[in-house]
Amino acid sequence: ADSVKGRFTISRDNAKNMVYLQMNSLKPEDTA
């Protein structure tokens, strides 16, 4: 989403069946 570009990163580990969301520079409007 445009609102998170450059701040959030999605990644996945197919061997472990895991998906991650690294969220940096969080803002109050990210509250959800």
PDB file of all heavy atoms in Angstrom:
ATOM      1  N   ALA A   1       0.852  -1.175   0.000  1.00  0.00           N
ATOM      2  CA  ALA A   1       0.000   0.000   0.000  1.00  0.00           C
ATOM      3  C   ALA A   1       0.896   1.235   0.000  1.00  0.00           C
ATOM      4  O   ALA A   1       1.980   1.230   0.604  1.00  0.00           O
ATOM      5  CB  ALA A   1      -0.896  -0.003   1.235  1.00  0.00           C
ATOM      6  N   ASP A   2       0.448   2.286  -0.669  1.00  0.00           N
ATOM      7  CA  ASP A   2       1.260   3.498  -0.741  1.00  0.00           C
ATOM      8  C   ASP A   2       1.607   4.033   0.648  1.00  0.00           C
ATOM      9  O   ASP A   2       2.692   4.575   0.850  1.00  0.00           O
ATOM     10  CB  ASP A   2       0.509   4.579  -1.526  1.00  0.00           C
ATOM     11  CG  ASP A   2       0.468   4.284  -3.019  1.00  0.00           C
ATOM     12  OD1 ASP A   2       1.264   3.447  -3.494  1.00  0.00           O
ATOM     13  OD2 ASP A   2      -0.369   4.883  -3.720  1.00  0.00           O
ATOM     14  N   SER A   3       0.698   3.861   1.576  1.00  0.00           N
ATOM     15  CA  SER A   3       0.891   4.424   2.911  1.00  0.00           C
ATOM     16  C   SER A   3       2.008   3.751   3.701  1.00  0.00           C
ATOM     17  O   SER A   3       2.473   4.301   4.707  1.00  0.00           O
ATOM     18  CB  SER A   3      -0.411   4.332   3.705  1.00  0.00           C
ATOM     19  OG  SER A   3      -0.838   2.984   3.803  1.00  0.00           O
ATOM     20  N   VAL A   4       2.455   2.571   3.262  1.00  0.00           N
ATOM     21  CA  VAL A   4       3.495   1.859   4.017  1.00  0.00           C
ATOM     22  C   VAL A   4       4.771   1.643   3.215  1.00  0.00           C
ATOM     23  O   VAL A   4       5.751   1.110   3.747  1.00  0.00           O
ATOM     24  CB  VAL A   4       2.981   0.501   4.543  1.00  0.00           C
ATOM     25  CG1 VAL A   4       1.684   0.675   5.327  1.00  0.00           C
ATOM     26  CG2 VAL A   4       2.809  -0.510   3.421  1.00  0.00           C
ATOM     27  N   LYS A   5       4.772   2.044   1.952  1.00  0.00           N
ATOM     28  CA  LYS A   5       5.963   1.846   1.120  1.00  0.00           C
ATOM     29  C   LYS A   5       7.173   2.518   1.747  1.00  0.00           C
ATOM     30  O   LYS A   5       7.099   3.664   2.195  1.00  0.00           O
ATOM     31  CB  LYS A   5       5.724   2.410  -0.281  1.00  0.00           C
ATOM     32  CG  LYS A   5       4.922   1.497  -1.179  1.00  0.00           C
ATOM     33  CD  LYS A   5       4.720   2.113  -2.553  1.00  0.00           C
ATOM     34  CE  LYS A   5       3.858   1.222  -3.426  1.00  0.00           C
ATOM     35  NZ  LYS A   5       3.566   1.835  -4.736  1.00  0.00           N
ATOM     36  N   GLY A   6       8.280   1.786   1.771  1.00  0.00           N
ATOM     37  CA  GLY A   6       9.509   2.314   2.346  1.00  0.00           C
ATOM     38  C   GLY A   6       9.609   2.130   3.849  1.00  0.00           C
ATOM     39  O   GLY A   6      10.670   2.355   4.429  1.00  0.00           O
ATOM     40  N   ARG A   7       8.512   1.714   4.480  1.00  0.00           N
ATOM     41  CA  ARG A   7       8.526   1.510   5.933  1.00  0.00           C
ATOM     42  C   ARG A   7       8.282   0.057   6.315  1.00  0.00           C
ATOM     43  O   ARG A   7       8.846  -0.427   7.305  1.00  0.00           O
ATOM     44  CB  ARG A   7       7.456   2.388   6.598  1.00  0.00           C
ATOM     45  CG  ARG A   7       7.627   3.863   6.366  1.00  0.00           C
ATOM     46  CD  ARG A   7       6.657   4.681   7.214  1.00  0.00           C
ATOM     47  NE  ARG A   7       5.255   4.420   6.905  1.00  0.00           N
ATOM     48  CZ  ARG A   7       4.356   3.989   7.789  1.00  0.00           C
ATOM     49  NH1 ARG A   7       4.711   3.770   9.043  1.00  0.00           N
ATOM     50  NH2 ARG A   7       3.099   3.790   7.424  1.00  0.00           N
ATOM     51  N   PHE A   8       7.448  -0.632   5.558  1.00  0.00           N
ATOM     52  CA  PHE A   8       7.100  -2.023   5.862  1.00  0.00           C
ATOM     53  C   PHE A   8       7.740  -2.947   4.823  1.00  0.00           C
ATOM     54  O   PHE A   8       7.860  -2.585   3.643  1.00  0.00           O
ATOM     55  CB  PHE A   8       5.590  -2.224   5.809  1.00  0.00           C
ATOM     56  CG  PHE A   8       4.809  -1.552   6.914  1.00  0.00           C
ATOM     57  CD1 PHE A   8       5.385  -0.626   7.763  1.00  0.00           C
ATOM     58  CD2 PHE A   8       3.469  -1.864   7.100  1.00  0.00           C
ATOM     59  CE1 PHE A   8       4.655  -0.019   8.770  1.00  0.00           C
ATOM     60  CE2 PHE A   8       2.718  -1.266   8.090  1.00  0.00           C
ATOM     61  CZ  PHE A   8       3.321  -0.332   8.922  1.00  0.00           C
ATOM     62  N   THR A   9       8.090  -4.143   5.273  1.00  0.00           N
ATOM     63  CA  THR A   9       8.640  -5.154   4.366  1.00  0.00           C
ATOM     64  C   THR A   9       7.995  -6.496   4.657  1.00  0.00           C
ATOM     65  O   THR A   9       8.015  -6.962   5.806  1.00  0.00           O
ATOM     66  CB  THR A   9      10.159  -5.275   4.545  1.00  0.00           C
ATOM     67  OG1 THR A   9      10.774  -4.004   4.316  1.00  0.00           O
ATOM     68  CG2 THR A   9      10.727  -6.291   3.560  1.00  0.00           C
ATOM     69  N   ILE A  10       7.446  -7.114   3.615  1.00  0.00           N
ATOM     70  CA  ILE A  10       6.893  -8.460   3.742  1.00  0.00           C
ATOM     71  C   ILE A  10       7.942  -9.458   3.277  1.00  0.00           C
ATOM     72  O   ILE A  10       8.670  -9.212   2.318  1.00  0.00           O
ATOM     73  CB  ILE A  10       5.580  -8.602   2.930  1.00  0.00           C
ATOM     74  CG1 ILE A  10       4.907  -9.948   3.220  1.00  0.00           C
ATOM     75  CG2 ILE A  10       5.822  -8.427   1.435  1.00  0.00           C
ATOM     76  CD1 ILE A  10       3.505 -10.066   2.632  1.00  0.00           C
ATOM     77  N   SER A  11       8.020 -10.561   3.994  1.00  0.00           N
ATOM     78  CA  SER A  11       8.936 -11.629   3.593  1.00  0.00           C
ATOM     79  C   SER A  11       8.303 -12.967   3.941  1.00  0.00           C
ATOM     80  O   SER A  11       7.367 -13.033   4.734  1.00  0.00           O
ATOM     81  CB  SER A  11      10.297 -11.481   4.281  1.00  0.00           C
ATOM     82  OG  SER A  11      10.166 -11.558   5.688  1.00  0.00           O
ATOM     83  N   ARG A  12       8.821 -14.021   3.344  1.00  0.00           N
ATOM     84  CA  ARG A  12       8.263 -15.342   3.574  1.00  0.00           C
ATOM     85  C   ARG A  12       9.394 -16.359   3.649  1.00  0.00           C
ATOM     86  O   ARG A  12      10.441 -16.184   3.021  1.00  0.00           O
ATOM     87  CB  ARG A  12       7.267 -15.717   2.481  1.00  0.00           C
ATOM     88  CG  ARG A  12       7.880 -15.769   1.089  1.00  0.00           C
ATOM     89  CD  ARG A  12       6.792 -15.767   0.006  1.00  0.00           C
ATOM     90  NE  ARG A  12       6.044 -17.010  -0.044  1.00  0.00           N
ATOM     91  CZ  ARG A  12       4.921 -17.162  -0.731  1.00  0.00           C
ATOM     92  NH1 ARG A  12       4.396 -16.127  -1.402  1.00  0.00           N
ATOM     93  NH2 ARG A  12       4.287 -18.328  -0.743  1.00  0.00           N
ATOM     94  N   ASP A  13       9.160 -17.408   4.411  1.00  0.00           N
ATOM     95  CA  ASP A  13      10.084 -18.527   4.499  1.00  0.00           C
ATOM     96  C   ASP A  13       9.280 -19.761   4.135  1.00  0.00           C
ATOM     97  O   ASP A  13       8.550 -20.309   4.976  1.00  0.00           O
ATOM     98  CB  ASP A  13      10.663 -18.622   5.912  1.00  0.00           C
ATOM     99  CG  ASP A  13      11.727 -19.692   6.043  1.00  0.00           C
ATOM    100  OD1 ASP A  13      11.704 -20.655   5.234  1.00  0.00           O
ATOM    101  OD2 ASP A  13      12.559 -19.588   6.945  1.00  0.00           O
ATOM    102  N   ASN A  14       9.390 -20.187   2.893  1.00  0.00           N
ATOM    103  CA  ASN A  14       8.582 -21.320   2.423  1.00  0.00           C
ATOM    104  C   ASN A  14       8.946 -22.627   3.118  1.00  0.00           C
ATOM    105  O   ASN A  14       8.117 -23.514   3.260  1.00  0.00           O
ATOM    106  CB  ASN A  14       8.723 -21.480   0.911  1.00  0.00           C
ATOM    107  CG  ASN A  14       8.046 -20.358   0.150  1.00  0.00           C
ATOM    108  OD1 ASN A  14       7.092 -19.742   0.629  1.00  0.00           O
ATOM    109  ND2 ASN A  14       8.549 -20.072  -1.038  1.00  0.00           N
ATOM    110  N   ALA A  15      10.186 -22.749   3.565  1.00  0.00           N
ATOM    111  CA  ALA A  15      10.604 -23.983   4.243  1.00  0.00           C
ATOM    112  C   ALA A  15       9.933 -24.118   5.609  1.00  0.00           C
ATOM    113  O   ALA A  15       9.725 -25.230   6.101  1.00  0.00           O
ATOM    114  CB  ALA A  15      12.117 -23.992   4.398  1.00  0.00           C
ATOM    115  N   LYS A  16       9.607 -22.972   6.208  1.00  0.00           N
ATOM    116  CA  LYS A  16       9.004 -22.982   7.542  1.00  0.00           C
ATOM    117  C   LYS A  16       7.517 -22.639   7.526  1.00  0.00           C
ATOM    118  O   LYS A  16       6.886 -22.566   8.584  1.00  0.00           O
ATOM    119  CB  LYS A  16       9.738 -21.984   8.453  1.00  0.00           C
ATOM    120  CG  LYS A  16      11.189 -22.333   8.703  1.00  0.00           C
ATOM    121  CD  LYS A  16      11.838 -21.318   9.632  1.00  0.00           C
ATOM    122  CE  LYS A  16      13.290 -21.685   9.901  1.00  0.00           C
ATOM    123  NZ  LYS A  16      13.942 -20.688  10.794  1.00  0.00           N
ATOM    124  N   ASN A  17       6.965 -22.403   6.347  1.00  0.00           N
ATOM    125  CA  ASN A  17       5.561 -21.985   6.235  1.00  0.00           C
ATOM    126  C   ASN A  17       5.289 -20.730   7.079  1.00  0.00           C
ATOM    127  O   ASN A  17       4.304 -20.673   7.836  1.00  0.00           O
ATOM    128  CB  ASN A  17       4.598 -23.107   6.656  1.00  0.00           C
ATOM    129  CG  ASN A  17       4.374 -24.115   5.561  1.00  0.00           C
ATOM    130  OD1 ASN A  17       5.158 -24.210   4.624  1.00  0.00           O
ATOM    131  ND2 ASN A  17       3.314 -24.890   5.662  1.00  0.00           N
ATOM    132  N   MET A  18       6.170 -19.746   6.928  1.00  0.00           N
ATOM    133  CA  MET A  18       6.043 -18.514   7.712  1.00  0.00           C
ATOM    134  C   MET A  18       6.016 -17.313   6.775  1.00  0.00           C
ATOM    135  O   MET A  18       6.694 -17.280   5.738  1.00  0.00           O
ATOM    136  CB  MET A  18       7.224 -18.351   8.662  1.00  0.00           C
ATOM    137  CG  MET A  18       7.329 -19.402   9.751  1.00  0.00           C
ATOM    138  SD  MET A  18       6.051 -19.245  11.016  1.00  0.00           S
ATOM    139  CE  MET A  18       6.471 -17.659  11.739  1.00  0.00           C
ATOM    140  N   VAL A  19       5.255 -16.302   7.177  1.00  0.00           N
ATOM    141  CA  VAL A  19       5.288 -15.026   6.489  1.00  0.00           C
ATOM    142  C   VAL A  19       5.420 -13.943   7.555  1.00  0.00           C
ATOM    143  O   VAL A  19       4.867 -14.075   8.652  1.00  0.00           O
ATOM    144  CB  VAL A  19       4.048 -14.817   5.597  1.00  0.00           C
ATOM    145  CG1 VAL A  19       2.761 -14.856   6.393  1.00  0.00           C
ATOM    146  CG2 VAL A  19       4.149 -13.526   4.792  1.00  0.00           C
ATOM    147  N   TYR A  20       6.161 -12.906   7.236  1.00  0.00           N
ATOM    148  CA  TYR A  20       6.497 -11.870   8.197  1.00  0.00           C
ATOM    149  C   TYR A  20       6.134 -10.490   7.643  1.00  0.00           C
ATOM    150  O   TYR A  20       6.094 -10.276   6.432  1.00  0.00           O
ATOM    151  CB  TYR A  20       7.991 -11.900   8.512  1.00  0.00           C
ATOM    152  CG  TYR A  20       8.509 -13.238   8.943  1.00  0.00           C
ATOM    153  CD1 TYR A  20       9.129 -14.093   8.033  1.00  0.00           C
ATOM    154  CD2 TYR A  20       8.386 -13.662  10.264  1.00  0.00           C
ATOM    155  CE1 TYR A  20       9.606 -15.331   8.422  1.00  0.00           C
ATOM    156  CE2 TYR A  20       8.861 -14.900  10.663  1.00  0.00           C
ATOM    157  CZ  TYR A  20       9.474 -15.731   9.741  1.00  0.00           C
ATOM    158  OH  TYR A  20       9.936 -16.960  10.136  1.00  0.00           O
ATOM    159  N   LEU A  21       5.936  -9.567   8.556  1.00  0.00           N
ATOM    160  CA  LEU A  21       5.787  -8.170   8.178  1.00  0.00           C
ATOM    161  C   LEU A  21       6.655  -7.343   9.124  1.00  0.00           C
ATOM    162  O   LEU A  21       6.347  -7.245  10.319  1.00  0.00           O
ATOM    163  CB  LEU A  21       4.332  -7.713   8.258  1.00  0.00           C
ATOM    164  CG  LEU A  21       4.080  -6.286   7.766  1.00  0.00           C
ATOM    165  CD1 LEU A  21       4.289  -6.202   6.252  1.00  0.00           C
ATOM    166  CD2 LEU A  21       2.670  -5.809   8.131  1.00  0.00           C
ATOM    167  N   GLN A  22       7.750  -6.826   8.596  1.00  0.00           N
ATOM    168  CA  GLN A  22       8.615  -5.946   9.367  1.00  0.00           C
ATOM    169  C   GLN A  22       8.087  -4.528   9.206  1.00  0.00           C
ATOM    170  O   GLN A  22       7.997  -4.024   8.078  1.00  0.00           O
ATOM    171  CB  GLN A  22      10.056  -6.040   8.876  1.00  0.00           C
ATOM    172  CG  GLN A  22      11.015  -5.109   9.591  1.00  0.00           C
ATOM    173  CD  GLN A  22      11.205  -5.465  11.051  1.00  0.00           C
ATOM    174  OE1 GLN A  22      11.349  -6.633  11.396  1.00  0.00           O
ATOM    175  NE2 GLN A  22      11.198  -4.464  11.922  1.00  0.00           N
ATOM    176  N   MET A  23       7.755  -3.896  10.314  1.00  0.00           N
ATOM    177  CA  MET A  23       7.177  -2.557  10.288  1.00  0.00           C
ATOM    178  C   MET A  23       8.115  -1.601  11.003  1.00  0.00           C
ATOM    179  O   MET A  23       8.364  -1.752  12.206  1.00  0.00           O
ATOM    180  CB  MET A  23       5.797  -2.566  10.963  1.00  0.00           C
ATOM    181  CG  MET A  23       4.835  -3.585  10.385  1.00  0.00           C
ATOM    182  SD  MET A  23       3.179  -3.487  11.079  1.00  0.00           S
ATOM    183  CE  MET A  23       3.507  -4.007  12.758  1.00  0.00           C
ATOM    184  N   ASN A  24       8.642  -0.648  10.261  1.00  0.00           N
ATOM    185  CA  ASN A  24       9.551   0.357  10.812  1.00  0.00           C
ATOM    186  C   ASN A  24       8.913   1.741  10.724  1.00  0.00           C
ATOM    187  O   ASN A  24       7.960   1.945   9.980  1.00  0.00           O
ATOM    188  CB  ASN A  24      10.869   0.346  10.045  1.00  0.00           C
ATOM    189  CG  ASN A  24      11.599  -0.975  10.156  1.00  0.00           C
ATOM    190  OD1 ASN A  24      11.509  -1.677  11.158  1.00  0.00           O
ATOM    191  ND2 ASN A  24      12.336  -1.324   9.104  1.00  0.00           N
ATOM    192  N   SER A  25       9.475   2.662  11.452  1.00  0.00           N
ATOM    193  CA  SER A  25       8.992   4.054  11.445  1.00  0.00           C
ATOM    194  C   SER A  25       7.476   4.110  11.616  1.00  0.00           C
ATOM    195  O   SER A  25       6.770   4.795  10.871  1.00  0.00           O
ATOM    196  CB  SER A  25       9.402   4.740  10.133  1.00  0.00           C
ATOM    197  OG  SER A  25      10.798   4.707   9.960  1.00  0.00           O
ATOM    198  N   LEU A  26       7.001   3.397  12.600  1.00  0.00           N
ATOM    199  CA  LEU A  26       5.556   3.295  12.800  1.00  0.00           C
ATOM    200  C   LEU A  26       4.954   4.633  13.196  1.00  0.00           C
ATOM    201  O   LEU A  26       5.583   5.451  13.903  1.00  0.00           O
ATOM    202  CB  LEU A  26       5.255   2.238  13.854  1.00  0.00           C
ATOM    203  CG  LEU A  26       5.326   0.807  13.336  1.00  0.00           C
ATOM    204  CD1 LEU A  26       5.502  -0.189  14.464  1.00  0.00           C
ATOM    205  CD2 LEU A  26       4.094   0.469  12.508  1.00  0.00           C
ATOM    206  N   LYS A  27       3.729   4.844  12.724  1.00  0.00           N
ATOM    207  CA  LYS A  27       3.001   6.080  12.977  1.00  0.00           C
ATOM    208  C   LYS A  27       1.691   5.755  13.711  1.00  0.00           C
ATOM    209  O   LYS A  27       1.177   4.638  13.582  1.00  0.00           O
ATOM    210  CB  LYS A  27       2.653   6.757  11.650  1.00  0.00           C
ATOM    211  CG  LYS A  27       3.842   7.028  10.746  1.00  0.00           C
ATOM    212  CD  LYS A  27       3.381   7.580   9.410  1.00  0.00           C
ATOM    213  CE  LYS A  27       4.551   7.843   8.473  1.00  0.00           C
ATOM    214  NZ  LYS A  27       4.107   8.372   7.160  1.00  0.00           N
ATOM    215  N   PRO A  28       1.149   6.711  14.428  1.00  0.00           N
ATOM    216  CA  PRO A  28      -0.143   6.459  15.103  1.00  0.00           C
ATOM    217  C   PRO A  28      -1.225   5.979  14.138  1.00  0.00           C
ATOM    218  O   PRO A  28      -2.069   5.160  14.518  1.00  0.00           O
ATOM    219  CB  PRO A  28      -0.485   7.822  15.703  1.00  0.00           C
ATOM    220  CG  PRO A  28       0.846   8.457  15.959  1.00  0.00           C
ATOM    221  CD  PRO A  28       1.709   8.024  14.813  1.00  0.00           C
ATOM    222  N   GLU A  29      -1.171   6.432  12.900  1.00  0.00           N
ATOM    223  CA  GLU A  29      -2.191   6.022  11.930  1.00  0.00           C
ATOM    224  C   GLU A  29      -2.005   4.587  11.442  1.00  0.00           C
ATOM    225  O   GLU A  29      -2.824   4.091  10.657  1.00  0.00           O
ATOM    226  CB  GLU A  29      -2.229   6.979  10.735  1.00  0.00           C
ATOM    227  CG  GLU A  29      -0.893   7.249  10.085  1.00  0.00           C
ATOM    228  CD  GLU A  29      -0.245   8.528  10.591  1.00  0.00           C
ATOM    229  OE1 GLU A  29      -0.293   8.787  11.820  1.00  0.00           O
ATOM    230  OE2 GLU A  29       0.327   9.264   9.755  1.00  0.00           O
ATOM    231  N   ASP A  30      -0.940   3.918  11.875  1.00  0.00           N
ATOM    232  CA  ASP A  30      -0.780   2.499  11.593  1.00  0.00           C
ATOM    233  C   ASP A  30      -1.527   1.635  12.609  1.00  0.00           C
ATOM    234  O   ASP A  30      -1.581   0.408  12.461  1.00  0.00           O
ATOM    235  CB  ASP A  30       0.700   2.104  11.604  1.00  0.00           C
ATOM    236  CG  ASP A  30       1.487   2.759  10.484  1.00  0.00           C
ATOM    237  OD1 ASP A  30       0.982   2.799   9.346  1.00  0.00           O
ATOM    238  OD2 ASP A  30       2.619   3.215  10.748  1.00  0.00           O
ATOM    239  N   THR A  31      -2.071   2.253  13.627  1.00  0.00           N
ATOM    240  CA  THR A  31      -2.810   1.514  14.647  1.00  0.00           C
ATOM    241  C   THR A  31      -4.016   0.829  14.033  1.00  0.00           C
ATOM    242  O   THR A  31      -4.876   1.468  13.423  1.00  0.00           O
ATOM    243  CB  THR A  31      -3.258   2.454  15.763  1.00  0.00           C
ATOM    244  OG1 THR A  31      -2.115   3.000  16.414  1.00  0.00           O
ATOM    245  CG2 THR A  31      -4.137   1.726  16.775  1.00  0.00           C
ATOM    246  N   ALA A  32      -4.076  -0.493  14.180  1.00  0.00           N
ATOM    247  CA  ALA A  32      -5.131  -1.291  13.560  1.00  0.00           C
ATOM    248  C   ALA A  32      -4.975  -2.741  14.003  1.00  0.00           C
ATOM    249  O   ALA A  32      -3.989  -3.091  14.657  1.00  0.00           O
ATOM    250  CB  ALA A  32      -5.043  -1.218  12.032  1.00  0.00           C
TER     251      ALA A  32
END
